[in-house]
Protein backbone atom coordinates (compact mmCIF):
# COMPACT_ATOMS: atom_id res chain seq x y z
CA MET A 1 -96.80 -24.61 116.76
CA VAL A 2 -99.77 -22.29 117.25
CA GLY A 3 -98.30 -21.06 120.57
CA PHE A 4 -95.16 -19.83 118.80
CA ILE A 5 -96.76 -16.78 117.15
CA PRO A 6 -98.02 -15.17 120.39
CA ILE A 7 -94.57 -15.68 121.93
CA VAL A 8 -92.87 -13.91 119.01
CA VAL A 9 -95.39 -11.07 119.06
CA GLY A 10 -95.13 -10.70 122.84
CA SER A 11 -91.33 -10.75 122.69
CA THR A 12 -91.35 -8.07 120.01
CA VAL A 13 -93.70 -5.86 121.99
CA GLY A 14 -91.66 -6.41 125.17
CA LEU A 15 -88.44 -5.50 123.38
CA ALA A 16 -90.03 -2.38 121.90
CA VAL A 17 -91.21 -1.30 125.33
CA ALA A 18 -87.76 -1.89 126.83
CA THR A 19 -85.77 -0.18 124.10
CA VAL A 20 -88.08 2.62 122.96
CA ALA A 21 -91.07 3.33 125.19
CA ILE A 22 -89.45 3.34 128.64
CA PRO A 23 -86.43 5.50 127.68
CA ALA A 24 -88.72 7.88 125.77
CA ALA A 25 -91.08 8.24 128.73
CA VAL A 26 -88.22 8.80 131.16
CA GLY A 27 -86.67 11.38 128.84
CA ALA A 28 -90.01 13.14 128.39
CA ALA A 29 -90.28 13.44 132.17
CA GLY A 30 -86.97 15.33 132.17
CA PHE A 31 -84.41 12.65 133.03
CA THR A 32 -81.87 13.14 130.23
CA GLY A 33 -78.34 12.16 129.37
CA ALA A 34 -77.27 15.73 130.14
CA GLY A 35 -78.90 15.67 133.58
CA ILE A 36 -82.27 16.69 134.91
CA ALA A 37 -84.04 19.24 132.71
CA ALA A 38 -84.96 22.52 134.39
CA GLY A 39 -88.66 23.07 134.99
CA SER A 40 -89.57 19.44 134.31
CA LEU A 41 -91.35 16.79 136.35
CA ALA A 42 -87.89 15.36 137.04
CA SER A 43 -86.72 18.62 138.60
CA GLN A 44 -89.79 18.73 140.82
CA MET A 45 -89.17 15.14 141.91
CA MET A 46 -85.51 15.87 142.58
CA SER A 47 -86.39 18.94 144.64
CA ALA A 48 -88.89 17.00 146.75
CA ALA A 49 -86.41 14.14 147.25
CA ALA A 50 -83.63 16.52 148.25
CA ILE A 51 -85.87 18.34 150.74
CA ALA A 52 -87.00 15.03 152.25
CA ASN A 53 -83.41 13.80 152.57
CA GLY A 54 -81.85 16.91 154.01
CA GLY A 55 -80.33 18.31 150.83
CA GLY A 56 -79.30 15.27 148.79
CA VAL A 57 -80.92 12.61 146.68
CA ALA A 58 -80.49 9.15 148.18
CA ALA A 59 -78.72 6.52 146.11
CA GLY A 60 -81.19 3.92 144.90
CA SER A 61 -84.16 6.26 145.23
CA THR A 62 -86.74 6.58 142.46
CA VAL A 63 -85.17 9.83 141.28
CA ALA A 64 -81.69 8.28 141.18
CA VAL A 65 -82.88 5.20 139.29
CA LEU A 66 -84.85 7.24 136.74
CA GLN A 67 -81.85 9.54 136.18
CA SER A 68 -79.67 6.49 135.62
CA ILE A 69 -82.13 5.21 133.01
CA GLY A 70 -82.28 8.66 131.40
CA ALA A 71 -78.50 8.89 131.21
CA ALA A 72 -77.55 5.33 130.25
CA GLY A 73 -80.75 3.52 129.31
CA LEU A 74 -81.78 0.12 130.61
CA SER A 75 -79.28 -2.67 131.15
CA ILE A 76 -79.19 -5.68 128.83
CA ALA A 77 -80.50 -7.84 131.68
CA THR A 78 -83.47 -5.54 132.24
CA LYS A 79 -84.24 -5.44 128.51
CA GLY A 80 -84.11 -9.24 128.45
CA ALA A 81 -86.41 -9.50 131.45
CA ILE A 82 -88.98 -7.13 129.95
CA THR A 83 -88.83 -9.01 126.64
CA ALA A 84 -89.37 -12.32 128.47
CA VAL A 85 -92.31 -10.89 130.40
CA GLY A 86 -93.87 -9.73 127.13
CA ALA A 87 -93.47 -13.22 125.66
CA ALA A 88 -94.88 -14.90 128.77
CA LEU A 89 -97.88 -12.57 128.95
CA ALA A 90 -98.69 -13.14 125.28
CA PHE A 91 -98.26 -16.90 125.63
CA PHE A 92 -100.49 -17.24 128.67
CA ARG A 93 -103.05 -14.81 127.28
CA SER A 94 -103.35 -16.99 124.15
CA LYS A 95 -104.28 -20.06 126.24
């Protein structure tokens, strides 16, 4: 029963990271629901990616994935995976 508490704490921390911290960090970098914010780190990344790719941002690139997170957030599956990783890390750390 002692191992249950670290799992709950780790799950809670993992869920907080997935639902609050990651979207907040991505938004602060300039990847927003309204698009990429002018003058932000995101706009610099988008410019560099577009130059490197001949004028467009490649699908699946870091910029594209971060913009997707900024616009729609993380998927339920990703939130679940991050929560599970938090629980596993806390469980194994308590051993």
